N, C-alpha and C. Protein backbone atom coordinates (compact mmCIF):
# COMPACT_ATOMS: atom_id res chain seq x y z
N MET A 1 -22.71 -7.57 184.27
CA MET A 1 -23.10 -8.58 184.52
C MET A 1 -22.37 -9.44 185.59
N ARG A 2 -22.62 -9.84 186.77
CA ARG A 2 -21.97 -10.69 187.45
C ARG A 2 -21.52 -12.03 186.82
N ILE A 3 -20.47 -12.59 186.87
CA ILE A 3 -19.52 -13.87 186.16
C ILE A 3 -19.80 -14.68 187.41
N LEU A 4 -20.41 -15.89 187.22
CA LEU A 4 -20.62 -17.12 188.25
C LEU A 4 -19.02 -17.56 188.36
N VAL A 5 -19.24 -18.50 189.36
CA VAL A 5 -17.66 -18.97 189.85
C VAL A 5 -17.54 -19.89 188.84
N ILE A 6 -18.34 -20.62 188.04
CA ILE A 6 -18.29 -21.96 187.15
C ILE A 6 -18.88 -21.74 186.00
N ALA A 7 -17.84 -20.99 185.00
CA ALA A 7 -18.23 -20.86 183.61
C ALA A 7 -18.24 -21.54 182.73
N LEU A 8 -19.19 -22.16 182.19
CA LEU A 8 -19.36 -23.10 181.37
C LEU A 8 -19.02 -24.31 181.08
N VAL A 9 -17.63 -24.65 181.66
CA VAL A 9 -17.14 -25.92 181.32
C VAL A 9 -16.68 -26.79 182.63
N PHE A 10 -16.72 -27.86 182.79
CA PHE A 10 -16.13 -28.84 183.51
C PHE A 10 -15.45 -29.96 182.60
N LEU A 11 -14.31 -29.86 182.25
CA LEU A 11 -13.97 -30.66 181.40
C LEU A 11 -13.82 -31.98 181.56
N VAL A 12 -13.77 -32.43 182.73
CA VAL A 12 -13.56 -33.90 182.90
C VAL A 12 -14.83 -34.38 183.75
N ALA A 13 -14.84 -33.79 184.99
CA ALA A 13 -16.24 -34.10 185.80
C ALA A 13 -16.73 -32.85 186.64
N GLY A 14 -17.75 -32.77 187.05
CA GLY A 14 -18.23 -31.40 187.83
C GLY A 14 -19.52 -31.19 187.14
N CYS A 15 -20.22 -30.17 188.00
CA CYS A 15 -21.47 -29.52 187.56
C CYS A 15 -21.42 -27.88 187.97
N GLY A 16 -22.11 -27.34 187.53
CA GLY A 16 -22.23 -26.08 188.32
C GLY A 16 -23.16 -24.97 187.29
N ALA A 17 -23.11 -23.91 187.48
CA ALA A 17 -24.26 -22.86 187.00
C ALA A 17 -23.64 -22.28 185.91
N ILE A 18 -24.44 -22.26 184.60
CA ILE A 18 -23.94 -21.64 183.64
C ILE A 18 -24.74 -20.37 183.66
N PRO A 19 -23.68 -19.11 183.44
CA PRO A 19 -24.34 -17.64 183.38
C PRO A 19 -25.30 -17.57 182.15
N GLY A 20 -26.13 -16.50 182.41
CA GLY A 20 -26.92 -16.34 181.10
C GLY A 20 -26.96 -14.74 180.73
N LEU A 21 -27.86 -14.56 180.19
CA LEU A 21 -28.01 -13.35 179.22
C LEU A 21 -29.36 -12.25 180.05
N GLY A 22 -29.76 -12.89 181.20
CA GLY A 22 -30.76 -12.39 181.75
C GLY A 22 -32.21 -12.94 181.50
N ALA A 23 -33.22 -12.90 182.31
CA ALA A 23 -34.25 -13.71 182.40
C ALA A 23 -35.67 -13.00 181.46
N ASP A 24 -35.12 -12.17 180.61
CA ASP A 24 -36.16 -11.66 179.89
C ASP A 24 -36.36 -12.25 178.34
N GLY A 25 -37.43 -12.65 178.28
CA GLY A 25 -38.27 -13.66 177.17
C GLY A 25 -37.09 -13.90 176.08
N LYS A 26 -36.87 -13.00 174.91
CA LYS A 26 -36.01 -13.74 173.92
C LYS A 26 -34.65 -14.25 174.61
N LYS A 27 -33.72 -13.66 175.50
CA LYS A 27 -32.50 -14.17 176.16
C LYS A 27 -32.87 -15.29 176.88
N HIS A 28 -33.76 -15.36 177.52
CA HIS A 28 -34.40 -16.73 178.24
C HIS A 28 -34.33 -17.67 177.24
N ASP A 29 -35.42 -17.31 176.14
CA ASP A 29 -35.38 -18.51 175.14
C ASP A 29 -34.10 -19.09 174.79
N GLN A 30 -33.32 -18.17 174.35
CA GLN A 30 -32.02 -18.57 174.11
C GLN A 30 -31.26 -19.38 174.97
N LEU A 31 -31.40 -19.36 176.16
CA LEU A 31 -30.50 -20.37 177.16
C LEU A 31 -31.77 -21.57 177.47
N VAL A 32 -32.83 -21.56 177.07
CA VAL A 32 -33.66 -22.72 176.94
C VAL A 32 -33.01 -23.47 175.77
N LYS A 33 -33.08 -22.82 174.48
CA LYS A 33 -32.51 -23.59 173.24
C LYS A 33 -31.08 -23.87 173.83
N TYR A 34 -30.27 -23.48 174.35
CA TYR A 34 -28.73 -23.67 174.65
C TYR A 34 -28.84 -25.32 175.59
N ALA A 35 -29.73 -25.02 176.50
CA ALA A 35 -30.15 -26.25 177.30
C ALA A 35 -30.09 -27.78 176.75
N GLN A 36 -31.48 -27.55 175.94
CA GLN A 36 -31.87 -28.55 175.08
C GLN A 36 -31.13 -28.56 174.09
N CYS A 37 -30.23 -28.27 173.55
CA CYS A 37 -29.35 -28.72 172.64
C CYS A 37 -28.15 -29.73 173.47
N LEU A 38 -27.74 -28.92 174.39
CA LEU A 38 -26.60 -29.69 175.17
C LEU A 38 -27.19 -31.40 175.65
N ARG A 39 -28.64 -30.99 176.09
CA ARG A 39 -29.04 -32.77 176.74
C ARG A 39 -29.24 -33.32 175.14
N GLN A 40 -29.46 -32.89 174.05
CA GLN A 40 -29.65 -33.73 172.89
C GLN A 40 -28.19 -34.36 172.50
N GLN A 41 -27.35 -33.68 172.93
CA GLN A 41 -25.84 -34.09 172.65
C GLN A 41 -25.21 -35.21 174.07
N GLY A 42 -26.26 -35.40 175.13
CA GLY A 42 -25.89 -36.35 176.00
C GLY A 42 -25.06 -35.52 177.33
N VAL A 43 -25.28 -34.25 177.37
CA VAL A 43 -24.92 -33.42 178.33
C VAL A 43 -26.14 -32.98 179.32
N ASN A 44 -26.11 -33.31 180.63
CA ASN A 44 -27.20 -33.52 181.65
C ASN A 44 -27.18 -31.63 181.73
N ALA A 45 -28.07 -30.86 181.25
CA ALA A 45 -28.37 -29.39 181.56
C ALA A 45 -29.78 -29.03 181.58
N SER A 46 -30.06 -28.48 182.96
CA SER A 46 -31.49 -28.36 183.23
C SER A 46 -31.57 -26.90 182.62
N ASP A 47 -33.08 -26.78 182.18
CA ASP A 47 -33.57 -25.35 181.52
C ASP A 47 -33.79 -24.56 182.67
N PRO A 48 -33.37 -23.40 182.50
CA PRO A 48 -33.39 -22.27 183.07
C PRO A 48 -34.77 -21.64 183.87
N PRO A 49 -34.67 -21.78 185.08
CA PRO A 49 -35.95 -21.31 185.73
C PRO A 49 -36.38 -19.83 185.05
N ALA A 50 -37.75 -19.38 184.99
CA ALA A 50 -37.94 -18.36 184.49
C ALA A 50 -37.63 -17.15 185.16
N ASP A 51 -37.26 -17.20 186.30
CA ASP A 51 -36.76 -15.82 187.20
C ASP A 51 -35.42 -15.60 187.33
N LYS A 52 -34.57 -16.87 186.87
CA LYS A 52 -33.19 -16.76 186.92
C LYS A 52 -32.28 -16.49 185.25
N ASP A 53 -31.32 -16.40 185.42
CA ASP A 53 -30.21 -16.15 184.14
C ASP A 53 -29.16 -17.05 183.87
N GLU A 54 -29.59 -18.24 184.62
CA GLU A 54 -28.43 -19.34 184.72
C GLU A 54 -29.39 -20.63 184.69
N PHE A 55 -28.65 -21.67 184.19
CA PHE A 55 -28.77 -22.93 184.70
C PHE A 55 -27.89 -23.96 184.90
N ASN A 56 -28.26 -25.24 185.37
CA ASN A 56 -27.09 -26.21 185.91
C ASN A 56 -26.61 -27.19 184.69
N LEU A 57 -25.52 -27.24 184.68
CA LEU A 57 -24.76 -28.34 184.17
C LEU A 57 -23.87 -29.33 184.64
N ASP A 58 -24.26 -30.30 184.48
CA ASP A 58 -23.50 -31.59 185.17
C ASP A 58 -23.08 -32.51 184.00
N ALA A 59 -21.88 -32.38 183.85
CA ALA A 59 -20.72 -32.76 183.34
C ALA A 59 -20.18 -34.26 183.61
N ARG A 60 -20.52 -34.50 184.73
CA ARG A 60 -19.97 -35.71 185.51
C ARG A 60 -20.33 -37.18 184.45
N GLY A 61 -19.13 -37.77 184.20
CA GLY A 61 -19.14 -38.74 183.36
C GLY A 61 -19.37 -38.58 182.01
N VAL A 62 -19.33 -37.62 181.41
CA VAL A 62 -19.26 -37.16 180.13
C VAL A 62 -17.56 -37.26 179.80
N PRO A 63 -17.21 -37.87 178.97
CA PRO A 63 -15.69 -37.88 178.45
C PRO A 63 -15.64 -36.46 178.03
N LYS A 64 -14.55 -36.02 178.13
CA LYS A 64 -13.89 -34.88 177.71
C LYS A 64 -14.32 -34.45 176.20
N ASP A 65 -13.80 -35.37 175.36
CA ASP A 65 -14.37 -35.14 173.61
C ASP A 65 -15.60 -34.98 173.86
N LYS A 66 -16.48 -35.66 174.10
CA LYS A 66 -18.01 -35.44 173.85
C LYS A 66 -18.12 -34.07 174.51
N LEU A 67 -17.99 -33.99 175.50
CA LEU A 67 -18.20 -32.69 176.10
C LEU A 67 -18.19 -31.34 175.27
N GLU A 68 -16.73 -31.65 174.85
CA GLU A 68 -15.90 -30.38 173.88
C GLU A 68 -16.95 -30.62 172.56
N ALA A 69 -17.32 -31.51 171.84
CA ALA A 69 -18.08 -31.73 170.79
C ALA A 69 -19.63 -30.88 171.09
N ALA A 70 -20.37 -31.46 172.04
CA ALA A 70 -21.50 -31.02 172.52
C ALA A 70 -21.16 -29.43 172.48
N LEU A 71 -20.55 -28.76 173.40
CA LEU A 71 -20.49 -27.28 173.37
C LEU A 71 -20.06 -26.52 172.12
N ASN A 72 -19.23 -27.33 171.15
CA ASN A 72 -19.29 -27.14 169.77
C ASN A 72 -20.53 -26.86 168.89
N THR A 73 -21.16 -28.04 168.97
CA THR A 73 -22.25 -28.03 168.53
C THR A 73 -23.42 -27.29 169.15
N CYS A 74 -23.33 -27.18 169.92
CA CYS A 74 -24.51 -25.70 170.64
C CYS A 74 -23.99 -24.66 170.65
N LYS A 75 -22.95 -24.13 170.21
CA LYS A 75 -22.11 -22.84 170.44
C LYS A 75 -22.92 -21.70 169.89
N GLU A 76 -23.85 -22.00 168.73
CA GLU A 76 -24.47 -20.82 168.37
C GLU A 76 -25.86 -20.21 169.47
N TYR A 77 -26.30 -21.29 170.39
CA TYR A 77 -27.03 -20.81 171.23
C TYR A 77 -26.50 -20.21 172.75
N ALA A 78 -25.18 -20.83 172.72
CA ALA A 78 -24.36 -20.25 174.12
C ALA A 78 -24.41 -18.80 174.43
N PRO A 79 -24.45 -18.25 175.54
CA PRO A 79 -24.87 -17.28 176.21
C PRO A 79 -23.50 -16.15 175.88
N LYS A 80 -23.61 -15.17 175.58
CA LYS A 80 -22.32 -14.30 175.33
C LYS A 80 -22.38 -13.33 176.60
N GLN A 81 -20.83 -13.50 177.26
CA GLN A 81 -20.48 -13.10 178.30
C GLN A 81 -19.43 -11.64 178.34
N GLU A 82 -19.88 -10.59 179.18
CA GLU A 82 -18.88 -9.46 179.32
C GLU A 82 -17.65 -10.22 180.15
N PRO A 83 -16.70 -9.29 179.68
CA PRO A 83 -15.49 -9.98 180.65
C PRO A 83 -15.65 -9.62 182.05
N PRO A 84 -15.03 -10.66 182.93
CA PRO A 84 -15.54 -10.32 184.35
C PRO A 84 -14.67 -9.44 184.87
N SER A 85 -15.30 -8.59 185.86
CA SER A 85 -14.90 -7.83 186.59
C SER A 85 -13.50 -8.16 187.58
N ALA A 86 -12.59 -7.38 188.07
CA ALA A 86 -11.47 -7.26 188.69
C ALA A 86 -12.14 -8.31 190.03
N GLU A 87 -13.07 -7.91 190.44
CA GLU A 87 -13.57 -8.21 191.86
C GLU A 87 -14.00 -9.78 191.59
N ASP A 88 -14.65 -10.04 190.62
CA ASP A 88 -15.32 -11.32 190.00
C ASP A 88 -14.30 -12.22 189.86
N LEU A 89 -13.05 -11.96 188.76
CA LEU A 89 -11.98 -12.58 188.77
C LEU A 89 -11.08 -13.18 190.05
N ASP A 90 -10.82 -12.39 190.78
CA ASP A 90 -10.29 -12.26 192.01
C ASP A 90 -11.33 -13.64 192.88
N ARG A 91 -12.41 -13.49 192.89
CA ARG A 91 -13.16 -14.51 193.64
C ARG A 91 -13.27 -15.63 192.78
N MET A 92 -13.15 -15.76 191.76
CA MET A 92 -13.04 -17.13 191.17
C MET A 92 -11.85 -17.62 190.91
N ARG A 93 -10.61 -16.70 191.18
CA ARG A 93 -9.47 -17.45 191.44
C ARG A 93 -9.32 -17.87 192.97
N LYS A 94 -9.80 -17.35 193.93
CA LYS A 94 -9.84 -17.76 195.14
C LYS A 94 -10.58 -19.18 195.35
N THR A 95 -11.60 -19.22 194.49
CA THR A 95 -12.43 -20.45 194.59
C THR A 95 -11.61 -21.54 193.88
N ALA A 96 -11.03 -21.50 192.93
CA ALA A 96 -9.70 -22.29 192.38
C ALA A 96 -8.81 -22.92 193.33
N ALA A 97 -8.10 -22.11 193.95
CA ALA A 97 -7.38 -22.02 195.11
C ALA A 97 -7.75 -23.05 196.30
N CYS A 98 -9.38 -22.74 196.53
CA CYS A 98 -10.03 -23.49 197.67
C CYS A 98 -10.25 -24.94 197.09
N LEU A 99 -10.67 -25.12 195.85
CA LEU A 99 -10.95 -26.75 195.46
C LEU A 99 -9.78 -27.29 195.12
N ARG A 100 -8.37 -26.70 194.64
CA ARG A 100 -7.11 -27.21 194.98
C ARG A 100 -6.92 -27.65 196.34
N ARG A 101 -6.90 -26.86 197.24
CA ARG A 101 -6.66 -27.11 198.52
C ARG A 101 -7.64 -28.54 199.16
N ASN A 102 -8.43 -28.66 198.60
CA ASN A 102 -9.38 -29.56 198.84
C ASN A 102 -9.39 -31.04 198.26
N GLY A 103 -8.18 -31.04 197.15
CA GLY A 103 -7.80 -32.14 196.43
C GLY A 103 -8.61 -32.23 195.06
N VAL A 104 -9.45 -31.07 194.41
CA VAL A 104 -9.63 -30.83 193.15
C VAL A 104 -9.29 -30.49 192.34
N GLU A 105 -8.77 -30.96 191.04
CA GLU A 105 -7.75 -30.15 190.22
C GLU A 105 -8.72 -29.07 189.51
N ALA A 106 -8.18 -27.68 189.44
CA ALA A 106 -8.79 -26.63 189.11
C ALA A 106 -8.01 -25.57 188.76
N SER A 107 -8.42 -25.16 187.32
CA SER A 107 -7.36 -24.40 186.73
C SER A 107 -7.69 -22.55 187.33
N ASP A 108 -6.81 -21.98 187.10
CA ASP A 108 -6.89 -20.50 187.42
C ASP A 108 -7.80 -19.46 186.40
N PRO A 109 -9.00 -19.18 186.50
CA PRO A 109 -9.55 -18.48 185.47
C PRO A 109 -8.49 -17.12 185.11
N THR A 110 -8.93 -16.64 183.90
CA THR A 110 -8.12 -15.11 183.49
C THR A 110 -9.13 -14.50 182.82
N VAL A 111 -8.81 -13.50 182.24
CA VAL A 111 -9.91 -12.23 181.97
C VAL A 111 -10.29 -13.18 180.42
N ALA A 112 -9.39 -13.67 179.67
CA ALA A 112 -9.69 -14.26 178.42
C ALA A 112 -10.45 -15.66 178.31
N ASP A 113 -10.18 -16.23 179.93
CA ASP A 113 -10.66 -17.62 179.93
C ASP A 113 -11.24 -17.71 181.26
N PRO A 114 -12.67 -17.01 181.62
CA PRO A 114 -12.74 -16.74 182.93
C PRO A 114 -13.59 -17.94 183.61
N GLY A 115 -13.71 -19.33 183.01
CA GLY A 115 -13.95 -20.47 183.37
C GLY A 115 -12.95 -21.37 184.42
N ILE A 116 -13.52 -21.93 184.95
CA ILE A 116 -12.65 -22.72 186.17
C ILE A 116 -13.07 -24.15 185.45
N ARG A 117 -11.82 -24.55 185.04
CA ARG A 117 -11.99 -26.50 184.56
C ARG A 117 -11.71 -26.88 185.81
N VAL A 118 -12.43 -27.94 186.30
CA VAL A 118 -12.55 -28.72 187.39
C VAL A 118 -12.34 -30.16 186.70
N GLY A 119 -11.26 -30.90 187.41
CA GLY A 119 -11.14 -32.35 187.59
C GLY A 119 -12.02 -33.53 188.30
N THR A 120 -11.57 -34.49 188.25
CA THR A 120 -12.43 -35.44 188.84
C THR A 120 -11.77 -35.29 190.62
N PRO A 121 -12.67 -35.51 191.32
CA PRO A 121 -12.63 -35.27 192.65
C PRO A 121 -11.87 -36.54 193.15
N PRO A 122 -10.93 -36.28 194.13
CA PRO A 122 -10.44 -37.36 195.18
C PRO A 122 -11.52 -38.51 195.35
N PRO A 123 -10.72 -39.89 195.14
CA PRO A 123 -12.01 -40.98 195.62
C PRO A 123 -12.65 -40.82 196.77
N GLY A 124 -14.12 -40.69 197.04
CA GLY A 124 -14.55 -40.36 198.46
C GLY A 124 -14.97 -39.11 198.85
N LYS A 125 -14.36 -37.98 197.97
CA LYS A 125 -14.79 -36.73 197.99
C LYS A 125 -16.16 -36.11 196.86
N ASP A 126 -16.78 -35.45 197.56
CA ASP A 126 -18.02 -34.94 196.63
C ASP A 126 -17.75 -33.45 196.33
N VAL A 127 -17.38 -33.70 195.05
CA VAL A 127 -17.06 -32.41 194.48
C VAL A 127 -18.44 -30.91 194.37
N ASP A 128 -19.65 -31.39 194.79
CA ASP A 128 -20.52 -30.69 194.98
C ASP A 128 -20.35 -30.09 196.42
N ALA A 129 -20.11 -30.63 197.26
CA ALA A 129 -19.74 -30.46 198.68
C ALA A 129 -19.01 -29.65 198.73
N ILE A 130 -17.86 -29.90 198.16
CA ILE A 130 -16.61 -29.06 197.98
C ILE A 130 -16.66 -27.91 197.37
N MET A 131 -17.42 -27.81 196.30
CA MET A 131 -17.90 -26.39 195.79
C MET A 131 -18.42 -25.50 196.52
N THR A 132 -19.50 -26.24 197.34
CA THR A 132 -20.44 -25.44 198.07
C THR A 132 -19.81 -24.71 199.12
N ALA A 133 -18.90 -25.62 199.61
CA ALA A 133 -17.63 -25.05 200.77
C ALA A 133 -17.08 -23.98 200.43
N CYS A 134 -16.44 -24.26 199.05
CA CYS A 134 -15.52 -23.07 198.77
C CYS A 134 -16.37 -21.80 198.63
N ARG A 135 -17.54 -22.00 197.74
CA ARG A 135 -17.99 -20.83 197.35
C ARG A 135 -18.35 -19.75 198.66
N LYS A 136 -18.88 -20.67 199.80
CA LYS A 136 -19.36 -20.05 201.13
C LYS A 136 -17.98 -19.26 201.86
N GLU A 137 -16.92 -19.94 201.44
CA GLU A 137 -15.44 -19.33 201.88
C GLU A 137 -15.24 -18.04 201.44
N VAL A 138 -15.51 -18.04 200.01
CA VAL A 138 -14.91 -16.82 199.20
C VAL A 138 -16.00 -15.94 199.36
N GLY A 139 -17.16 -16.31 199.79
CA GLY A 139 -18.31 -15.28 200.12
C GLY A 139 -19.42 -15.06 198.41
N GLU A 140 -19.51 -16.08 198.00
CA GLU A 140 -20.26 -16.46 196.66
C GLU A 140 -21.69 -16.49 197.16
């Protein structure tokens, strides 16, 4: 399974795709339940399209403690992920470096913690535009 650049959490602010389990019936239903649970907790998460194994999470404006509580509350529905391949991990690290070069605080992913935690962008900067440019730069 290909791990997406942004896996699961933006701790302070951000949005991104949540990797799923595949778009087949039961697995897709699990992702829908996960997105619904997150919305019930006050986090903006869209239902996954029928033909995709991901959905969008937008945690901008959600306090860190509220986001962590929502993720904990909904963890029974969270997708199970395989560890990232060396290639995926390298691409995620390059993406994190690109974000930092553009003024966005971003953690380096590891095998144990493959997500990129993204902080609030500098004033006047659009994290979505920066993320799009960084994905393009690293070939995402």
